[in-house]
Amino acid sequence: MSFTIVEPAPARLNRSELAVPGSNPKLFKKAAESDADVVFLDLEDAVAPDDKVQARKNIIKALNDVDWGNKTMSVRINGLDTHYMYRDVIDIIEQGGERLDLIMIPKAGTAADIYAVDMLVTQAEEAVGRKKRIGFEMIIETALGMANVDAIATASPRNESLHFGVADYAASTKARTTVIGGPNELYGVLSDPDDAGERLYHWGDMWHYAIARMVVAARAAGLRPIDGPFGDFSDPAGFRAQANRAAVLGCEGKWAIHPSQIDLANEVNSPSKAEIDKAKRIIKAMRQATKEGKGAVSLDGRLIDIASIKQAEVMVKKARLIAKG
């Protein structure tokens, strides 16, 4: 273990994060009654310019009036390059009460972006005497943001999670795709010819590097890495595949841009009963091995050691968090 100890962000269940346009208050009650772990009320991409001011008012009212239960509540503010952002922050903190948990910062490009929002939030919190500190979610969705992802991840003690915004990232990098997430038939490789001269074409994951890079930056800073949207909400199998590959790479949650994606995200990002049972057996076996002065032990024909117990403890801890939530 390094002498540098990374302090983890506050523990929050973040398996599913439901996007809700601030311009459509009819959806707020449904979002509150859903099984989403986190709800973010959107002031940015999902809201037309002419609706920005009213959407902000809708969100302030919802934070005060809607019973959100034990959900983590976030608001995606407008970008720092717009004239809407400062008023988003000020009005929501001054008028939105204590219910807000997080602010989502879109298109985070540099550490200075996070510093700027932090300064504004800190001043507003102090001015109103806010008791609960607001945390930050940052969306990595530009080439600039990915190039500076490590600095962004450590730019503020408010930081809690990094999210991959695949659509804007594709536009920023001029990737040859027009879909929101998912594979591309042109991104693949051919196998060598077999004896009959036949070759197989294997599709690849064109977003593998981006997500893996974001996960490393997030985990190195003690943050939660969260995969972003999958645009085709009529394709649950496709959503599940994308969520699974993000989870395998280390993400602990995924956006839901439609209510039908919530249960899928929760399922993919929850350990199964079999996995939990195995994790508990690993912990028990390693504790016995420690008593016997052993650093490793065999379980089900496989070697387990200290690293194994760390993995098992993470899984059991998440299961407890899910049960509590």
Protein backbone atom coordinates (compact mmCIF):
# COMPACT_ATOMS: atom_id res chain seq x y z
CA MET A 1 0.00 0.00 0.00
CA SER A 2 1.26 3.46 -0.88
CA PHE A 3 2.05 5.88 1.93
CA THR A 4 -0.43 8.21 0.19
CA ILE A 5 -3.84 7.35 1.59
CA VAL A 6 -6.83 8.17 -0.63
CA GLU A 7 -9.91 9.31 1.25
CA PRO A 8 -13.03 7.82 -0.36
CA ALA A 9 -16.01 9.99 -1.23
CA PRO A 10 -19.08 9.66 1.00
CA ALA A 11 -20.65 6.24 0.53
CA ARG A 12 -23.79 6.50 -1.58
CA LEU A 13 -25.72 3.87 -3.46
CA ASN A 14 -25.24 4.88 -7.11
CA ARG A 15 -26.30 1.84 -9.16
CA SER A 16 -28.83 3.78 -11.23
CA GLU A 17 -28.98 7.51 -11.91
CA LEU A 18 -32.23 8.71 -13.46
CA ALA A 19 -32.18 11.79 -15.70
CA VAL A 20 -35.28 13.99 -15.42
CA PRO A 21 -35.75 17.20 -17.46
CA GLY A 22 -36.39 20.18 -15.24
CA SER A 23 -38.79 21.51 -17.86
CA ASN A 24 -41.20 18.59 -17.34
CA PRO A 25 -42.45 18.68 -13.73
CA LYS A 26 -45.05 16.01 -14.52
CA LEU A 27 -42.22 13.50 -14.34
CA PHE A 28 -41.00 14.51 -10.87
CA LYS A 29 -43.47 12.45 -8.83
CA LYS A 30 -42.81 9.35 -10.96
CA ALA A 31 -39.08 9.83 -10.47
CA ALA A 32 -39.55 10.14 -6.71
CA GLU A 33 -41.54 6.89 -6.66
CA SER A 34 -39.07 5.00 -8.85
CA ASP A 35 -36.37 2.60 -7.71
CA ALA A 36 -33.55 4.84 -8.94
CA ASP A 37 -30.78 5.34 -6.38
CA VAL A 38 -29.98 8.85 -7.64
CA VAL A 39 -32.19 11.33 -9.48
CA PHE A 40 -30.65 14.24 -11.33
CA LEU A 41 -32.96 17.06 -12.31
CA ASP A 42 -31.60 18.50 -15.53
CA LEU A 43 -31.14 22.14 -16.47
CA GLU A 44 -28.71 21.52 -19.31
CA ASP A 45 -29.06 19.43 -22.48
CA ALA A 46 -32.63 18.22 -21.90
CA VAL A 47 -33.94 21.79 -21.53
CA ALA A 48 -34.44 24.20 -24.46
CA PRO A 49 -32.92 27.70 -24.04
CA ASP A 50 -36.34 29.36 -23.80
CA ASP A 51 -37.30 26.98 -20.98
CA LYS A 52 -34.17 27.34 -18.81
CA VAL A 53 -35.55 29.92 -16.37
CA GLN A 54 -38.85 28.11 -15.83
CA ALA A 55 -37.06 24.76 -15.47
CA ARG A 56 -34.94 26.25 -12.70
CA LYS A 57 -38.08 27.41 -10.90
CA ASN A 58 -39.65 23.97 -11.36
CA ILE A 59 -36.63 22.29 -9.78
CA ILE A 60 -36.53 24.66 -6.82
CA LYS A 61 -40.21 23.98 -6.15
CA ALA A 62 -39.69 20.23 -6.50
CA LEU A 63 -36.77 20.19 -4.07
CA ASN A 64 -38.98 21.91 -1.50
CA ASP A 65 -42.32 20.19 -2.14
CA VAL A 66 -41.79 16.67 -3.51
CA ASP A 67 -41.17 13.77 -1.12
CA TRP A 68 -38.00 12.26 -2.58
CA GLY A 69 -37.71 9.64 0.14
CA ASN A 70 -34.15 8.45 0.70
CA LYS A 71 -32.99 9.19 -2.85
CA THR A 72 -29.79 11.06 -3.49
CA MET A 73 -30.79 14.27 -5.28
CA SER A 74 -28.65 16.02 -7.86
CA VAL A 75 -29.12 18.93 -10.26
CA ARG A 76 -27.24 19.19 -13.54
CA ILE A 77 -26.42 22.86 -13.98
CA ASN A 78 -25.70 24.54 -17.29
CA GLY A 79 -22.15 24.76 -18.58
CA LEU A 80 -19.61 27.28 -17.38
CA ASP A 81 -19.57 28.79 -20.87
CA THR A 82 -23.22 29.89 -20.55
CA HIS A 83 -24.85 32.80 -18.73
CA TYR A 84 -27.29 30.41 -17.05
CA MET A 85 -24.81 28.62 -14.79
CA TYR A 86 -24.24 31.18 -12.04
CA ARG A 87 -27.95 31.72 -11.55
CA ASP A 88 -28.54 27.95 -11.50
CA VAL A 89 -26.15 27.64 -8.56
CA ILE A 90 -27.23 30.73 -6.65
CA ASP A 91 -30.99 30.31 -6.97
CA ILE A 92 -31.02 26.59 -6.23
CA ILE A 93 -28.86 26.94 -3.11
CA GLU A 94 -30.62 30.06 -1.85
CA GLN A 95 -34.16 28.85 -2.55
CA GLY A 96 -33.96 25.05 -2.78
CA GLY A 97 -33.64 24.20 0.90
CA GLU A 98 -31.50 21.39 2.30
CA ARG A 99 -32.75 18.52 0.14
CA LEU A 100 -30.13 18.83 -2.60
CA ASP A 101 -27.17 16.47 -2.20
CA LEU A 102 -25.14 16.95 -5.37
CA ILE A 103 -24.48 19.33 -8.23
CA MET A 104 -23.61 17.76 -11.58
CA ILE A 105 -21.07 19.76 -13.58
CA PRO A 106 -21.35 19.12 -17.33
CA LYS A 107 -18.46 19.10 -19.80
CA ALA A 108 -15.81 19.44 -17.09
CA GLY A 109 -12.69 20.45 -19.00
CA THR A 110 -10.09 21.56 -16.46
CA ALA A 111 -9.51 21.60 -12.72
CA ALA A 112 -10.17 25.35 -12.84
CA ASP A 113 -13.76 24.65 -13.93
CA ILE A 114 -14.37 22.69 -10.74
CA TYR A 115 -12.58 25.33 -8.65
CA ALA A 116 -14.84 28.04 -10.08
CA VAL A 117 -18.05 26.16 -9.24
CA ASP A 118 -16.66 25.28 -5.80
CA MET A 119 -16.02 28.94 -5.03
CA LEU A 120 -19.55 29.92 -6.03
CA VAL A 121 -21.17 27.04 -4.14
CA THR A 122 -19.11 27.72 -1.01
CA GLN A 123 -20.07 31.39 -0.96
CA ALA A 124 -23.76 30.59 -1.51
CA GLU A 125 -23.78 27.91 1.19
CA GLU A 126 -22.18 30.24 3.70
CA ALA A 127 -24.55 33.06 2.82
CA VAL A 128 -27.66 30.97 3.56
CA GLY A 129 -26.13 29.01 6.44
CA ARG A 130 -26.59 25.68 4.70
CA LYS A 131 -26.06 22.76 7.06
CA LYS A 132 -25.36 19.99 4.51
CA ARG A 133 -22.38 20.35 2.18
CA ILE A 134 -23.19 19.83 -1.48
CA GLY A 135 -21.04 17.31 -3.35
CA PHE A 136 -19.99 17.39 -7.02
CA GLU A 137 -20.55 15.00 -9.90
CA MET A 138 -18.43 15.76 -12.98
CA ILE A 139 -19.23 14.59 -16.49
CA ILE A 140 -16.20 13.75 -18.63
CA GLU A 141 -17.57 14.34 -22.11
CA THR A 142 -14.93 16.21 -24.07
CA ALA A 143 -11.41 15.55 -25.28
CA LEU A 144 -10.23 18.36 -23.00
CA GLY A 145 -11.93 16.75 -20.01
CA MET A 146 -10.41 13.35 -20.71
CA ALA A 147 -6.96 14.90 -21.14
CA ASN A 148 -7.33 16.55 -17.72
CA VAL A 149 -9.34 13.83 -15.99
CA ASP A 150 -6.85 13.27 -13.16
CA ALA A 151 -6.70 16.97 -12.27
CA ILE A 152 -10.50 17.26 -12.48
CA ALA A 153 -10.95 14.28 -10.15
CA THR A 154 -8.84 15.91 -7.44
CA ALA A 155 -9.87 19.54 -7.97
CA SER A 156 -12.21 19.83 -4.97
CA PRO A 157 -12.96 18.06 -1.69
CA ARG A 158 -16.61 18.21 -2.80
CA ASN A 159 -15.94 15.75 -5.64
CA GLU A 160 -17.83 12.46 -5.39
CA SER A 161 -18.14 10.91 -8.85
CA LEU A 162 -17.01 10.99 -12.47
CA HIS A 163 -19.47 10.19 -15.26
CA PHE A 164 -18.79 9.31 -18.89
CA GLY A 165 -20.86 11.42 -21.29
CA VAL A 166 -20.57 9.34 -24.42
CA ALA A 167 -22.57 11.47 -26.89
CA ASP A 168 -20.75 14.76 -26.34
CA TYR A 169 -17.46 12.88 -26.06
CA ALA A 170 -18.08 11.35 -29.48
CA ALA A 171 -18.79 14.80 -30.90
CA SER A 172 -15.73 16.30 -29.22
CA THR A 173 -13.39 13.62 -30.56
CA LYS A 174 -15.17 13.63 -33.97
CA ALA A 175 -15.85 9.91 -33.65
CA ARG A 176 -17.71 8.36 -36.57
CA THR A 177 -20.96 7.58 -34.81
CA THR A 178 -24.34 9.21 -34.31
CA VAL A 179 -25.75 6.93 -31.60
CA ILE A 180 -25.64 7.51 -27.85
CA GLY A 181 -23.50 4.70 -26.49
CA GLY A 182 -23.36 1.18 -27.81
CA PRO A 183 -21.08 -0.50 -30.31
CA ASN A 184 -20.27 0.47 -33.89
CA GLU A 185 -20.16 -2.09 -36.68
CA LEU A 186 -17.09 -0.40 -38.17
CA TYR A 187 -15.07 -0.82 -34.96
CA GLY A 188 -13.87 -4.38 -35.18
CA VAL A 189 -11.13 -6.74 -36.33
CA LEU A 190 -10.87 -9.64 -38.75
CA SER A 191 -9.54 -13.00 -37.64
CA ASP A 192 -6.88 -14.76 -39.68
CA PRO A 193 -8.27 -16.99 -42.44
CA ASP A 194 -9.11 -20.54 -41.37
CA ASP A 195 -8.28 -23.60 -43.48
CA ALA A 196 -11.17 -22.81 -45.79
CA GLY A 197 -10.10 -19.17 -46.14
CA GLU A 198 -13.00 -17.89 -44.06
CA ARG A 199 -12.47 -14.93 -41.76
CA LEU A 200 -14.61 -13.87 -38.79
CA TYR A 201 -15.38 -10.24 -37.98
CA HIS A 202 -15.44 -9.39 -34.25
CA TRP A 203 -17.06 -6.18 -33.07
CA GLY A 204 -15.12 -4.25 -30.44
CA ASP A 205 -16.03 -1.70 -27.76
CA MET A 206 -15.03 1.70 -29.12
CA TRP A 207 -15.52 3.28 -25.67
CA HIS A 208 -13.34 0.82 -23.76
CA TYR A 209 -10.36 3.15 -23.38
CA ALA A 210 -12.43 6.16 -22.36
CA ILE A 211 -14.32 4.33 -19.63
CA ALA A 212 -11.23 2.49 -18.36
CA ARG A 213 -9.32 5.79 -18.24
CA MET A 214 -12.11 7.50 -16.32
CA VAL A 215 -12.38 4.59 -13.88
CA VAL A 216 -8.68 4.78 -13.04
CA ALA A 217 -8.87 8.54 -12.44
CA ALA A 218 -11.98 8.16 -10.29
CA ARG A 219 -10.69 5.30 -8.16
CA ALA A 220 -7.28 6.94 -7.70
CA ALA A 221 -9.08 9.95 -6.24
CA GLY A 222 -11.56 7.93 -4.15
CA LEU A 223 -14.52 8.81 -6.39
CA ARG A 224 -17.35 6.72 -7.86
CA PRO A 225 -17.06 6.04 -11.62
CA ILE A 226 -20.47 6.01 -13.32
CA ASP A 227 -21.24 5.07 -16.91
CA GLY A 228 -23.46 7.50 -18.78
CA PRO A 229 -26.44 7.10 -21.11
CA PHE A 230 -27.46 4.37 -23.53
CA GLY A 231 -29.73 6.09 -25.99
CA ASP A 232 -31.83 3.22 -27.35
CA PHE A 233 -34.25 2.64 -24.48
CA SER A 234 -36.16 0.14 -26.66
CA ASP A 235 -33.14 -2.21 -26.50
CA PRO A 236 -32.87 -3.65 -22.98
CA ALA A 237 -30.42 -6.35 -24.10
CA GLY A 238 -28.12 -3.70 -25.54
CA PHE A 239 -28.38 -1.64 -22.36
CA ARG A 240 -27.56 -4.66 -20.23
CA ALA A 241 -24.52 -5.49 -22.36
CA GLN A 242 -23.17 -1.95 -22.12
CA ALA A 243 -23.84 -1.76 -18.38
CA ASN A 244 -22.17 -5.12 -17.77
CA ARG A 245 -19.01 -4.17 -19.61
CA ALA A 246 -18.83 -0.87 -17.68
CA ALA A 247 -19.31 -2.74 -14.39
CA VAL A 248 -16.58 -5.22 -15.31
CA LEU A 249 -14.22 -2.28 -15.92
CA GLY A 250 -14.99 -0.86 -12.47
CA CYS A 251 -18.02 1.42 -12.83
CA GLU A 252 -20.51 1.09 -10.01
CA GLY A 253 -23.53 2.60 -11.71
CA LYS A 254 -25.13 3.71 -14.96
CA TRP A 255 -27.51 6.41 -16.10
CA ALA A 256 -31.12 5.67 -16.88
CA ILE A 257 -32.57 8.07 -19.44
CA HIS A 258 -35.87 6.19 -19.35
CA PRO A 259 -37.64 4.55 -16.38
CA SER A 260 -37.39 1.15 -18.11
CA GLN A 261 -33.62 1.27 -17.66
CA ILE A 262 -33.69 1.70 -13.86
CA ASP A 263 -34.26 -1.93 -12.90
CA LEU A 264 -31.66 -3.06 -15.45
CA ALA A 265 -29.04 -0.72 -14.01
CA ASN A 266 -29.85 -1.78 -10.45
CA GLU A 267 -29.65 -5.45 -11.36
CA VAL A 268 -26.34 -5.21 -13.23
CA ASN A 269 -24.71 -3.15 -10.49
CA SER A 270 -25.88 -5.31 -7.59
CA PRO A 271 -23.92 -8.40 -6.54
CA SER A 272 -25.92 -11.62 -6.84
CA LYS A 273 -26.71 -13.80 -3.83
CA ALA A 274 -24.18 -16.36 -5.09
CA GLU A 275 -21.48 -13.69 -5.33
CA ILE A 276 -22.26 -12.40 -1.84
CA ASP A 277 -22.22 -15.91 -0.37
CA LYS A 278 -18.87 -16.64 -2.02
CA ALA A 279 -17.44 -13.33 -0.77
CA LYS A 280 -18.48 -14.19 2.79
CA ARG A 281 -16.85 -17.62 2.46
CA ILE A 282 -13.63 -15.96 1.26
CA ILE A 283 -13.62 -13.63 4.25
CA LYS A 284 -14.26 -16.52 6.62
CA ALA A 285 -11.55 -18.68 5.04
CA MET A 286 -8.98 -15.88 5.14
CA ARG A 287 -9.73 -15.10 8.78
CA GLN A 288 -9.11 -18.74 9.62
CA ALA A 289 -5.90 -18.69 7.57
CA THR A 290 -4.72 -15.60 9.45
CA LYS A 291 -5.30 -17.34 12.77
CA GLU A 292 -3.15 -20.20 11.50
CA GLY A 293 -0.41 -17.84 10.41
CA LYS A 294 -1.02 -18.34 6.68
CA GLY A 295 -1.00 -15.57 4.06
CA ALA A 296 -3.00 -17.57 1.52
CA VAL A 297 -5.36 -20.53 1.43
CA SER A 298 -7.18 -22.69 -1.11
CA LEU A 299 -10.94 -22.34 -1.56
CA ASP A 300 -12.90 -24.30 -4.18
CA GLY A 301 -9.67 -25.26 -5.87
CA ARG A 302 -8.45 -21.65 -6.21
CA LEU A 303 -5.81 -19.71 -4.34
CA ILE A 304 -7.08 -16.80 -2.29
CA ASP A 305 -4.95 -14.28 -0.42
CA ILE A 306 -5.10 -10.78 1.11
CA ALA A 307 -6.08 -9.28 -2.25
CA SER A 308 -8.99 -11.71 -2.42
CA ILE A 309 -10.33 -10.62 0.94
CA LYS A 310 -10.21 -6.96 -0.13
CA GLN A 311 -12.33 -7.78 -3.18
CA ALA A 312 -14.73 -9.80 -1.04
CA GLU A 313 -15.09 -7.03 1.54
CA VAL A 314 -15.99 -4.52 -1.21
CA MET A 315 -18.77 -6.81 -2.41
CA VAL A 316 -20.15 -7.46 1.07
CA LYS A 317 -20.04 -3.75 1.89
CA LYS A 318 -22.03 -2.93 -1.25
CA ALA A 319 -24.59 -5.62 -0.40
CA ARG A 320 -25.08 -4.04 3.03
CA LEU A 321 -25.49 -0.60 1.46
CA ILE A 322 -28.14 -1.97 -0.92
CA ALA A 323 -29.99 -3.67 1.95
CA LYS A 324 -29.92 -0.44 3.94
CA GLY A 325 -31.08 1.68 1.00
